[in-house]
Amino acid sequence: MPIYAYKCESCGFAKDVLQKLSDSPLTDCPTCGASAFKKQLTAAGFQLKGSGWYATDFKGTAAPASVAADTSAPAKPAGDSANQTAAPTKVDSPAASATGGCACH
């Protein structure tokens, strides 16, 4: 159940009230009895925390290109021997097979 903020426009009395969505708004002030008790517009009572959406959040669908090409992983240093001795990987894409060369040019 949401909590609504009310304020009397007559005497200035303010109160937070726990109400169901189906309940009608309050109109009578509990302090002065005037029918000037109005619901106030307040900020949302939740916060979004974390670093964002992940590719695993969307099960059953392919990851968007922006998620798949994550550049936040640290790069290997240029002098790393494992990086220099590795064979180039073959790219199997329609563009590469149509031109007979690599798809990067």
PDB file of N, CA and C in Angstrom:
ATOM      1  N   MET A   1       0.845  -1.185   0.000  1.00  0.00           N
ATOM      2  CA  MET A   1       0.000   0.000   0.000  1.00  0.00           C
ATOM      3  C   MET A   1       0.886   1.243   0.000  1.00  0.00           C
ATOM      4  N   PRO A   2       0.556   2.212  -0.821  1.00  0.00           N
ATOM      5  CA  PRO A   2       1.357   3.432  -0.886  1.00  0.00           C
ATOM      6  C   PRO A   2       1.081   4.373   0.284  1.00  0.00           C
ATOM      7  N   ILE A   3       2.056   5.213   0.546  1.00  0.00           N
ATOM      8  CA  ILE A   3       1.935   6.246   1.575  1.00  0.00           C
ATOM      9  C   ILE A   3       1.752   7.583   0.863  1.00  0.00           C
ATOM     10  N   TYR A   4       0.687   8.278   1.207  1.00  0.00           N
ATOM     11  CA  TYR A   4       0.378   9.569   0.605  1.00  0.00           C
ATOM     12  C   TYR A   4       0.621  10.682   1.616  1.00  0.00           C
ATOM     13  N   ALA A   5       1.143  11.809   1.130  1.00  0.00           N
ATOM     14  CA  ALA A   5       1.357  12.986   1.971  1.00  0.00           C
ATOM     15  C   ALA A   5       0.162  13.916   1.800  1.00  0.00           C
ATOM     16  N   TYR A   6      -0.396  14.347   2.932  1.00  0.00           N
ATOM     17  CA  TYR A   6      -1.521  15.279   2.934  1.00  0.00           C
ATOM     18  C   TYR A   6      -1.122  16.535   3.684  1.00  0.00           C
ATOM     19  N   LYS A   7      -1.744  17.662   3.296  1.00  0.00           N
ATOM     20  CA  LYS A   7      -1.519  18.930   3.989  1.00  0.00           C
ATOM     21  C   LYS A   7      -2.805  19.743   3.962  1.00  0.00           C
ATOM     22  N   CYS A   8      -3.123  20.327   5.107  1.00  0.00           N
ATOM     23  CA  CYS A   8      -4.312  21.169   5.209  1.00  0.00           C
ATOM     24  C   CYS A   8      -3.972  22.569   4.686  1.00  0.00           C
ATOM     25  N   GLU A   9      -4.770  23.046   3.745  1.00  0.00           N
ATOM     26  CA  GLU A   9      -4.558  24.382   3.196  1.00  0.00           C
ATOM     27  C   GLU A   9      -5.053  25.464   4.143  1.00  0.00           C
ATOM     28  N   SER A  10      -5.823  25.082   5.151  1.00  0.00           N
ATOM     29  CA  SER A  10      -6.371  26.044   6.104  1.00  0.00           C
ATOM     30  C   SER A  10      -5.410  26.300   7.269  1.00  0.00           C
ATOM     31  N   CYS A  11      -4.993  25.223   7.967  1.00  0.00           N
ATOM     32  CA  CYS A  11      -4.153  25.397   9.152  1.00  0.00           C
ATOM     33  C   CYS A  11      -2.690  25.003   8.933  1.00  0.00           C
ATOM     34  N   GLY A  12      -2.371  24.325   7.813  1.00  0.00           N
ATOM     35  CA  GLY A  12      -0.989  23.940   7.518  1.00  0.00           C
ATOM     36  C   GLY A  12      -0.570  22.595   8.101  1.00  0.00           C
ATOM     37  N   PHE A  13      -1.503  21.860   8.743  1.00  0.00           N
ATOM     38  CA  PHE A  13      -1.176  20.560   9.322  1.00  0.00           C
ATOM     39  C   PHE A  13      -0.811  19.581   8.197  1.00  0.00           C
ATOM     40  N   ALA A  14       0.297  18.832   8.392  1.00  0.00           N
ATOM     41  CA  ALA A  14       0.746  17.861   7.394  1.00  0.00           C
ATOM     42  C   ALA A  14       0.821  16.477   8.023  1.00  0.00           C
ATOM     43  N   LYS A  15       0.477  15.454   7.222  1.00  0.00           N
ATOM     44  CA  LYS A  15       0.476  14.086   7.725  1.00  0.00           C
ATOM     45  C   LYS A  15       0.671  13.119   6.564  1.00  0.00           C
ATOM     46  N   ASP A  16       1.415  12.033   6.802  1.00  0.00           N
ATOM     47  CA  ASP A  16       1.561  10.944   5.844  1.00  0.00           C
ATOM     48  C   ASP A  16       0.561   9.854   6.205  1.00  0.00           C
ATOM     49  N   VAL A  17      -0.184   9.381   5.204  1.00  0.00           N
ATOM     50  CA  VAL A  17      -1.254   8.420   5.443  1.00  0.00           C
ATOM     51  C   VAL A  17      -1.039   7.192   4.559  1.00  0.00           C
ATOM     52  N   LEU A  18      -1.121   6.007   5.179  1.00  0.00           N
ATOM     53  CA  LEU A  18      -1.039   4.750   4.452  1.00  0.00           C
ATOM     54  C   LEU A  18      -2.446   4.395   3.959  1.00  0.00           C
ATOM     55  N   GLN A  19      -2.620   4.344   2.626  1.00  0.00           N
ATOM     56  CA  GLN A  19      -3.941   4.085   2.048  1.00  0.00           C
ATOM     57  C   GLN A  19      -3.842   3.077   0.910  1.00  0.00           C
ATOM     58  N   LYS A  20      -4.939   2.379   0.666  1.00  0.00           N
ATOM     59  CA  LYS A  20      -5.041   1.518  -0.498  1.00  0.00           C
ATOM     60  C   LYS A  20      -5.234   2.386  -1.734  1.00  0.00           C
ATOM     61  N   LEU A  21      -4.890   1.834  -2.899  1.00  0.00           N
ATOM     62  CA  LEU A  21      -5.118   2.560  -4.141  1.00  0.00           C
ATOM     63  C   LEU A  21      -6.606   2.810  -4.383  1.00  0.00           C
ATOM     64  N   SER A  22      -7.446   1.896  -3.909  1.00  0.00           N
ATOM     65  CA  SER A  22      -8.892   2.014  -4.129  1.00  0.00           C
ATOM     66  C   SER A  22      -9.568   2.962  -3.129  1.00  0.00           C
ATOM     67  N   ASP A  23      -8.882   3.371  -2.052  1.00  0.00           N
ATOM     68  CA  ASP A  23      -9.473   4.289  -1.066  1.00  0.00           C
ATOM     69  C   ASP A  23      -9.639   5.681  -1.673  1.00  0.00           C
ATOM     70  N   SER A  24     -10.720   6.352  -1.281  1.00  0.00           N
ATOM     71  CA  SER A  24     -10.925   7.717  -1.750  1.00  0.00           C
ATOM     72  C   SER A  24     -10.019   8.674  -0.961  1.00  0.00           C
ATOM     73  N   PRO A  25      -9.600   9.787  -1.585  1.00  0.00           N
ATOM     74  CA  PRO A  25      -8.714  10.732  -0.903  1.00  0.00           C
ATOM     75  C   PRO A  25      -9.383  11.354   0.325  1.00  0.00           C
ATOM     76  N   LEU A  26      -8.583  11.657   1.342  1.00  0.00           N
ATOM     77  CA  LEU A  26      -9.100  12.319   2.542  1.00  0.00           C
ATOM     78  C   LEU A  26      -9.369  13.778   2.225  1.00  0.00           C
ATOM     79  N   THR A  27     -10.392  14.341   2.848  1.00  0.00           N
ATOM     80  CA  THR A  27     -10.730  15.741   2.605  1.00  0.00           C
ATOM     81  C   THR A  27     -10.809  16.556   3.889  1.00  0.00           C
ATOM     82  N   ASP A  28     -11.146  15.934   5.012  1.00  0.00           N
ATOM     83  CA  ASP A  28     -11.307  16.669   6.271  1.00  0.00           C
ATOM     84  C   ASP A  28     -10.022  16.620   7.092  1.00  0.00           C
ATOM     85  N   CYS A  29      -9.557  17.785   7.525  1.00  0.00           N
ATOM     86  CA  CYS A  29      -8.342  17.896   8.332  1.00  0.00           C
ATOM     87  C   CYS A  29      -8.606  17.341   9.734  1.00  0.00           C
ATOM     88  N   PRO A  30      -7.727  16.445  10.252  1.00  0.00           N
ATOM     89  CA  PRO A  30      -7.940  15.901  11.592  1.00  0.00           C
ATOM     90  C   PRO A  30      -7.684  16.927  12.700  1.00  0.00           C
ATOM     91  N   THR A  31      -7.001  18.031  12.405  1.00  0.00           N
ATOM     92  CA  THR A  31      -6.697  19.035  13.425  1.00  0.00           C
ATOM     93  C   THR A  31      -7.780  20.108  13.518  1.00  0.00           C
ATOM     94  N   CYS A  32      -8.069  20.781  12.401  1.00  0.00           N
ATOM     95  CA  CYS A  32      -9.018  21.896  12.443  1.00  0.00           C
ATOM     96  C   CYS A  32     -10.410  21.527  11.947  1.00  0.00           C
ATOM     97  N   GLY A  33     -10.562  20.376  11.272  1.00  0.00           N
ATOM     98  CA  GLY A  33     -11.870  19.933  10.799  1.00  0.00           C
ATOM     99  C   GLY A  33     -12.295  20.548   9.483  1.00  0.00           C
ATOM    100  N   ALA A  34     -11.482  21.439   8.916  1.00  0.00           N
ATOM    101  CA  ALA A  34     -11.840  22.064   7.637  1.00  0.00           C
ATOM    102  C   ALA A  34     -11.720  21.032   6.506  1.00  0.00           C
ATOM    103  N   SER A  35     -12.492  21.237   5.465  1.00  0.00           N
ATOM    104  CA  SER A  35     -12.423  20.313   4.333  1.00  0.00           C
ATOM    105  C   SER A  35     -11.391  20.812   3.316  1.00  0.00           C
ATOM    106  N   ALA A  36     -10.200  21.125   3.804  1.00  0.00           N
ATOM    107  CA  ALA A  36      -9.108  21.636   2.967  1.00  0.00           C
ATOM    108  C   ALA A  36      -7.888  20.727   3.050  1.00  0.00           C
ATOM    109  N   PHE A  37      -8.089  19.449   3.395  1.00  0.00           N
ATOM    110  CA  PHE A  37      -7.001  18.478   3.511  1.00  0.00           C
ATOM    111  C   PHE A  37      -6.733  17.922   2.115  1.00  0.00           C
ATOM    112  N   LYS A  38      -5.608  18.287   1.517  1.00  0.00           N
ATOM    113  CA  LYS A  38      -5.314  17.937   0.123  1.00  0.00           C
ATOM    114  C   LYS A  38      -4.100  17.014   0.030  1.00  0.00           C
ATOM    115  N   LYS A  39      -4.163  16.105  -0.950  1.00  0.00           N
ATOM    116  CA  LYS A  39      -3.056  15.197  -1.222  1.00  0.00           C
ATOM    117  C   LYS A  39      -1.938  15.988  -1.901  1.00  0.00           C
ATOM    118  N   GLN A  40      -0.694  15.785  -1.453  1.00  0.00           N
ATOM    119  CA  GLN A  40       0.463  16.505  -1.981  1.00  0.00           C
ATOM    120  C   GLN A  40       1.186  15.660  -3.020  1.00  0.00           C
ATOM    121  N   LEU A  41       1.842  16.315  -3.949  1.00  0.00           N
ATOM    122  CA  LEU A  41       2.667  15.641  -4.933  1.00  0.00           C
ATOM    123  C   LEU A  41       4.066  15.474  -4.331  1.00  0.00           C
ATOM    124  N   THR A  42       4.530  14.234  -4.234  1.00  0.00           N
ATOM    125  CA  THR A  42       5.836  13.967  -3.629  1.00  0.00           C
ATOM    126  C   THR A  42       6.699  13.160  -4.587  1.00  0.00           C
ATOM    127  N   ALA A  43       7.980  13.065  -4.260  1.00  0.00           N
ATOM    128  CA  ALA A  43       8.922  12.289  -5.072  1.00  0.00           C
ATOM    129  C   ALA A  43       8.661  10.796  -4.878  1.00  0.00           C
ATOM    130  N   ALA A  44       9.090  10.019  -5.862  1.00  0.00           N
ATOM    131  CA  ALA A  44       8.924   8.566  -5.789  1.00  0.00           C
ATOM    132  C   ALA A  44       9.754   8.008  -4.635  1.00  0.00           C
ATOM    133  N   GLY A  45       9.250   6.964  -4.011  1.00  0.00           N
ATOM    134  CA  GLY A  45       9.914   6.389  -2.842  1.00  0.00           C
ATOM    135  C   GLY A  45      10.787   5.195  -3.151  1.00  0.00           C
ATOM    136  N   PHE A  46      11.494   5.194  -4.292  1.00  0.00           N
ATOM    137  CA  PHE A  46      12.397   4.093  -4.593  1.00  0.00           C
ATOM    138  C   PHE A  46      13.638   4.640  -5.271  1.00  0.00           C
ATOM    139  N   GLN A  47      14.698   3.855  -5.232  1.00  0.00           N
ATOM    140  CA  GLN A  47      15.953   4.243  -5.868  1.00  0.00           C
ATOM    141  C   GLN A  47      16.425   3.104  -6.755  1.00  0.00           C
ATOM    142  N   LEU A  48      16.992   3.457  -7.884  1.00  0.00           N
ATOM    143  CA  LEU A  48      17.592   2.461  -8.759  1.00  0.00           C
ATOM    144  C   LEU A  48      19.077   2.409  -8.445  1.00  0.00           C
ATOM    145  N   LYS A  49      19.561   1.240  -8.061  1.00  0.00           N
ATOM    146  CA  LYS A  49      20.965   1.093  -7.711  1.00  0.00           C
ATOM    147  C   LYS A  49      21.603   0.053  -8.618  1.00  0.00           C
ATOM    148  N   GLY A  50      22.888   0.123  -8.753  1.00  0.00           N
ATOM    149  CA  GLY A  50      23.615  -0.835  -9.566  1.00  0.00           C
ATOM    150  C   GLY A  50      24.226  -0.154 -10.767  1.00  0.00           C
ATOM    151  N   SER A  51      24.939  -0.921 -11.541  1.00  0.00           N
ATOM    152  CA  SER A  51      25.654  -0.348 -12.680  1.00  0.00           C
ATOM    153  C   SER A  51      24.850  -0.403 -13.968  1.00  0.00           C
ATOM    154  N   GLY A  52      23.684  -0.989 -13.977  1.00  0.00           N
ATOM    155  CA  GLY A  52      22.857  -0.987 -15.175  1.00  0.00           C
ATOM    156  C   GLY A  52      22.370  -2.364 -15.551  1.00  0.00           C
ATOM    157  N   TRP A  53      21.955  -2.502 -16.809  1.00  0.00           N
ATOM    158  CA  TRP A  53      21.414  -3.749 -17.322  1.00  0.00           C
ATOM    159  C   TRP A  53      22.550  -4.644 -17.793  1.00  0.00           C
ATOM    160  N   TYR A  54      22.337  -5.912 -17.700  1.00  0.00           N
ATOM    161  CA  TYR A  54      23.316  -6.892 -18.135  1.00  0.00           C
ATOM    162  C   TYR A  54      22.723  -7.738 -19.249  1.00  0.00           C
ATOM    163  N   ALA A  55      23.593  -8.366 -20.045  1.00  0.00           N
ATOM    164  CA  ALA A  55      23.128  -9.221 -21.135  1.00  0.00           C
ATOM    165  C   ALA A  55      22.336 -10.397 -20.599  1.00  0.00           C
ATOM    166  N   THR A  56      22.618 -10.843 -19.386  1.00  0.00           N
ATOM    167  CA  THR A  56      21.904 -11.983 -18.807  1.00  0.00           C
ATOM    168  C   THR A  56      20.512 -11.608 -18.314  1.00  0.00           C
ATOM    169  N   ASP A  57      20.184 -10.327 -18.273  1.00  0.00           N
ATOM    170  CA  ASP A  57      18.859  -9.899 -17.838  1.00  0.00           C
ATOM    171  C   ASP A  57      17.791 -10.192 -18.894  1.00  0.00           C
ATOM    172  N   PHE A  58      18.183 -10.417 -20.125  1.00  0.00           N
ATOM    173  CA  PHE A  58      17.248 -10.635 -21.217  1.00  0.00           C
ATOM    174  C   PHE A  58      17.411 -12.063 -21.712  1.00  0.00           C
ATOM    175  N   LYS A  59      16.878 -13.014 -20.991  1.00  0.00           N
ATOM    176  CA  LYS A  59      17.011 -14.417 -21.363  1.00  0.00           C
ATOM    177  C   LYS A  59      16.195 -14.723 -22.610  1.00  0.00           C
ATOM    178  N   GLY A  60      16.780 -15.514 -23.484  1.00  0.00           N
ATOM    179  CA  GLY A  60      16.076 -15.944 -24.679  1.00  0.00           C
ATOM    180  C   GLY A  60      16.246 -15.014 -25.859  1.00  0.00           C
ATOM    181  N   THR A  61      16.933 -13.901 -25.723  1.00  0.00           N
ATOM    182  CA  THR A  61      17.162 -12.998 -26.838  1.00  0.00           C
ATOM    183  C   THR A  61      18.647 -12.748 -26.966  1.00  0.00           C
ATOM    184  N   ALA A  62      19.067 -12.355 -28.143  1.00  0.00           N
ATOM    185  CA  ALA A  62      20.479 -12.052 -28.370  1.00  0.00           C
ATOM    186  C   ALA A  62      20.828 -10.729 -27.707  1.00  0.00           C
ATOM    187  N   ALA A  63      22.062 -10.613 -27.258  1.00  0.00           N
ATOM    188  CA  ALA A  63      22.519  -9.391 -26.608  1.00  0.00           C
ATOM    189  C   ALA A  63      22.671  -8.296 -27.656  1.00  0.00           C
ATOM    190  N   PRO A  64      22.313  -7.053 -27.317  1.00  0.00           N
ATOM    191  CA  PRO A  64      22.519  -5.950 -28.242  1.00  0.00           C
ATOM    192  C   PRO A  64      24.009  -5.756 -28.516  1.00  0.00           C
ATOM    193  N   ALA A  65      24.340  -5.145 -29.641  1.00  0.00           N
ATOM    194  CA  ALA A  65      25.732  -4.954 -30.023  1.00  0.00           C
ATOM    195  C   ALA A  65      26.482  -4.116 -28.999  1.00  0.00           C
ATOM    196  N   SER A  66      25.810  -3.162 -28.370  1.00  0.00           N
ATOM    197  CA  SER A  66      26.487  -2.319 -27.387  1.00  0.00           C
ATOM    198  C   SER A  66      26.879  -3.103 -26.149  1.00  0.00           C
ATOM    199  N   VAL A  67      26.104  -4.134 -25.785  1.00  0.00           N
ATOM    200  CA  VAL A  67      26.445  -4.956 -24.635  1.00  0.00           C
ATOM    201  C   VAL A  67      27.511  -5.974 -25.013  1.00  0.00           C
ATOM    202  N   ALA A  68      27.425  -6.520 -26.237  1.00  0.00           N
ATOM    203  CA  ALA A  68      28.369  -7.538 -26.671  1.00  0.00           C
ATOM    204  C   ALA A  68      29.767  -6.965 -26.851  1.00  0.00           C
ATOM    205  N   ALA A  69      29.873  -5.724 -27.248  1.00  0.00           N
ATOM    206  CA  ALA A  69      31.177  -5.096 -27.469  1.00  0.00           C
ATOM    207  C   ALA A  69      31.578  -4.299 -26.243  1.00  0.00           C
ATOM    208  N   ASP A  70      31.663  -4.946 -25.117  1.00  0.00           N
ATOM    209  CA  ASP A  70      32.012  -4.295 -23.860  1.00  0.00           C
ATOM    210  C   ASP A  70      33.492  -3.959 -23.854  1.00  0.00           C
ATOM    211  N   THR A  71      33.812  -2.690 -23.697  1.00  0.00           N
ATOM    212  CA  THR A  71      35.210  -2.263 -23.690  1.00  0.00           C
ATOM    213  C   THR A  71      35.709  -1.984 -22.295  1.00  0.00           C
ATOM    214  N   SER A  72      34.960  -2.376 -21.278  1.00  0.00           N
ATOM    215  CA  SER A  72      35.375  -2.082 -19.917  1.00  0.00           C
ATOM    216  C   SER A  72      36.414  -3.069 -19.400  1.00  0.00           C
ATOM    217  N   ALA A  73      36.657  -4.183 -20.096  1.00  0.00           N
ATOM    218  CA  ALA A  73      37.655  -5.158 -19.663  1.00  0.00           C
ATOM    219  C   ALA A  73      39.044  -4.586 -19.897  1.00  0.00           C
ATOM    220  N   PRO A  74      39.967  -4.794 -18.961  1.00  0.00           N
ATOM    221  CA  PRO A  74      41.303  -4.240 -19.127  1.00  0.00           C
ATOM    222  C   PRO A  74      42.026  -4.920 -20.286  1.00  0.00           C
ATOM    223  N   ALA A  75      42.732  -4.127 -21.077  1.00  0.00           N
ATOM    224  CA  ALA A  75      43.480  -4.662 -22.211  1.00  0.00           C
ATOM    225  C   ALA A  75      44.793  -5.252 -21.723  1.00  0.00           C
ATOM    226  N   LYS A  76      45.293  -6.242 -22.472  1.00  0.00           N
ATOM    227  CA  LYS A  76      46.578  -6.839 -22.129  1.00  0.00           C
ATOM    228  C   LYS A  76      47.684  -5.885 -22.538  1.00  0.00           C
ATOM    229  N   PRO A  77      48.780  -5.871 -21.798  1.00  0.00           N
ATOM    230  CA  PRO A  77      49.892  -4.999 -22.173  1.00  0.00           C
ATOM    231  C   PRO A  77      50.467  -5.402 -23.530  1.00  0.00           C
ATOM    232  N   ALA A  78      51.102  -4.447 -24.232  1.00  0.00           N
ATOM    233  CA  ALA A  78      51.639  -4.685 -25.564  1.00  0.00           C
ATOM    234  C   ALA A  78      52.777  -5.689 -25.541  1.00  0.00           C
ATOM    235  N   GLY A  79      53.484  -5.788 -24.435  1.00  0.00           N
ATOM    236  CA  GLY A  79      54.624  -6.684 -24.351  1.00  0.00           C
ATOM    237  C   GLY A  79      54.263  -8.088 -23.930  1.00  0.00           C
ATOM    238  N   ASP A  80      52.997  -8.423 -23.847  1.00  0.00           N
ATOM    239  CA  ASP A  80      52.557  -9.748 -23.416  1.00  0.00           C
ATOM    240  C   ASP A  80      52.875 -10.758 -24.506  1.00  0.00           C
ATOM    241  N   SER A  81      53.683 -11.786 -24.187  1.00  0.00           N
ATOM    242  CA  SER A  81      54.120 -12.757 -25.189  1.00  0.00           C
ATOM    243  C   SER A  81      52.972 -13.627 -25.666  1.00  0.00           C
ATOM    244  N   ALA A  82      51.992 -13.920 -24.832  1.00  0.00           N
ATOM    245  CA  ALA A  82      50.856 -14.748 -25.235  1.00  0.00           C
ATOM    246  C   ALA A  82      50.029 -14.031 -26.293  1.00  0.00           C
ATOM    247  N   ASN A  83      49.938 -12.729 -26.195  1.00  0.00           N
ATOM    248  CA  ASN A  83      49.160 -11.952 -27.146  1.00  0.00           C
ATOM    249  C   ASN A  83      49.863 -11.885 -28.500  1.00  0.00           C
ATOM    250  N   GLN A  84      51.188 -11.863 -28.528  1.00  0.00           N
ATOM    251  CA  GLN A  84      51.929 -11.728 -29.778  1.00  0.00           C
ATOM    252  C   GLN A  84      52.054 -13.048 -30.520  1.00  0.00           C
ATOM    253  N   THR A  85      52.059 -14.179 -29.841  1.00  0.00           N
ATOM    254  CA  THR A  85      52.253 -15.463 -30.498  1.00  0.00           C
ATOM    255  C   THR A  85      50.949 -16.116 -30.920  1.00  0.00           C
ATOM    256  N   ALA A  86      49.824 -15.570 -30.560  1.00  0.00           N
ATOM    257  CA  ALA A  86      48.536 -16.174 -30.913  1.00  0.00           C
ATOM    258  C   ALA A  86      48.270 -15.988 -32.396  1.00  0.00           C
ATOM    259  N   ALA A  87      47.709 -17.005 -33.022  1.00  0.00           N
ATOM    260  CA  ALA A  87      47.384 -16.945 -34.449  1.00  0.00           C
ATOM    261  C   ALA A  87      46.157 -16.066 -34.632  1.00  0.00           C
ATOM    262  N   PRO A  88      46.059 -15.353 -35.748  1.00  0.00           N
ATOM    263  CA  PRO A  88      44.866 -14.529 -35.986  1.00  0.00           C
ATOM    264  C   PRO A  88      43.640 -15.418 -36.123  1.00  0.00           C
ATOM    265  N   THR A  89      42.516 -14.909 -35.623  1.00  0.00           N
ATOM    266  CA  THR A  89      41.283 -15.681 -35.682  1.00  0.00           C
ATOM    267  C   THR A  89      40.592 -15.442 -37.013  1.00  0.00           C
ATOM    268  N   LYS A  90      39.942 -16.483 -37.526  1.00  0.00           N
ATOM    269  CA  LYS A  90      39.245 -16.397 -38.797  1.00  0.00           C
ATOM    270  C   LYS A  90      37.867 -15.784 -38.568  1.00  0.00           C
ATOM    271  N   VAL A  91      37.493 -14.846 -39.401  1.00  0.00           N
ATOM    272  CA  VAL A  91      36.202 -14.185 -39.301  1.00  0.00           C
ATOM    273  C   VAL A  91      35.280 -14.794 -40.336  1.00  0.00           C
ATOM    274  N   ASP A  92      34.206 -15.461 -39.886  1.00  0.00           N
ATOM    275  CA  ASP A  92      33.220 -16.040 -40.786  1.00  0.00           C
ATOM    276  C   ASP A  92      32.021 -15.116 -40.851  1.00  0.00           C
ATOM    277  N   SER A  93      32.044 -14.198 -41.776  1.00  0.00           N
ATOM    278  CA  SER A  93      30.920 -13.287 -41.943  1.00  0.00           C
ATOM    279  C   SER A  93      30.549 -13.222 -43.411  1.00  0.00           C
ATOM    280  N   PRO A  94      29.331 -12.853 -43.743  1.00  0.00           N
ATOM    281  CA  PRO A  94      28.923 -12.751 -45.148  1.00  0.00           C
ATOM    282  C   PRO A  94      29.787 -11.763 -45.922  1.00  0.00           C
ATOM    283  N   ALA A  95      30.201 -10.664 -45.294  1.00  0.00           N
ATOM    284  CA  ALA A  95      31.009  -9.658 -45.980  1.00  0.00           C
ATOM    285  C   ALA A  95      32.374 -10.225 -46.322  1.00  0.00           C
ATOM    286  N   ALA A  96      32.952 -11.037 -45.431  1.00  0.00           N
ATOM    287  CA  ALA A  96      34.277 -11.588 -45.670  1.00  0.00           C
ATOM    288  C   ALA A  96      34.239 -12.622 -46.790  1.00  0.00           C
ATOM    289  N   SER A  97      33.200 -13.456 -46.839  1.00  0.00           N
ATOM    290  CA  SER A  97      33.150 -14.477 -47.872  1.00  0.00           C
ATOM    291  C   SER A  97      32.756 -13.893 -49.230  1.00  0.00           C
ATOM    292  N   ALA A  98      32.010 -12.803 -49.260  1.00  0.00           N
ATOM    293  CA  ALA A  98      31.577 -12.209 -50.515  1.00  0.00           C
ATOM    294  C   ALA A  98      32.749 -11.504 -51.198  1.00  0.00           C
ATOM    295  N   THR A  99      33.634 -10.895 -50.429  1.00  0.00           N
ATOM    296  CA  THR A  99      34.746 -10.159 -51.013  1.00  0.00           C
ATOM    297  C   THR A  99      35.990 -11.020 -51.133  1.00  0.00           C
ATOM    298  N   GLY A 100      36.003 -12.171 -50.480  1.00  0.00           N
ATOM    299  CA  GLY A 100      37.159 -13.035 -50.534  1.00  0.00           C
ATOM    300  C   GLY A 100      38.262 -12.611 -49.595  1.00  0.00           C
ATOM    301  N   GLY A 101      38.043 -11.613 -48.800  1.00  0.00           N
ATOM    302  CA  GLY A 101      39.053 -11.118 -47.871  1.00  0.00           C
ATOM    303  C   GLY A 101      38.443 -10.902 -46.512  1.00  0.00           C
ATOM    304  N   CYS A 102      39.082 -10.096 -45.729  1.00  0.00           N
ATOM    305  CA  CYS A 102      38.557  -9.852 -44.392  1.00  0.00           C
ATOM    306  C   CYS A 102      37.480  -8.782 -44.430  1.00  0.00           C
ATOM    307  N   ALA A 103      36.617  -8.774 -43.434  1.00  0.00           N
ATOM    308  CA  ALA A 103      35.473  -7.853 -43.411  1.00  0.00           C
ATOM    309  C   ALA A 103      35.840  -6.503 -42.845  1.00  0.00           C
ATOM    310  N   CYS A 104      37.073  -6.310 -42.424  1.00  0.00           N
ATOM    311  CA  CYS A 104      37.440  -5.055 -41.770  1.00  0.00           C
ATOM    312  C   CYS A 104      37.862  -3.980 -42.750  1.00  0.00           C
ATOM    313  N   HIS A 105      38.054  -4.273 -44.034  1.00  0.00           N
ATOM    314  CA  HIS A 105      38.505  -3.265 -45.003  1.00  0.00           C
ATOM    315  C   HIS A 105      37.431  -2.928 -45.983  1.00  0.00           C
TER     316      HIS A 105
END
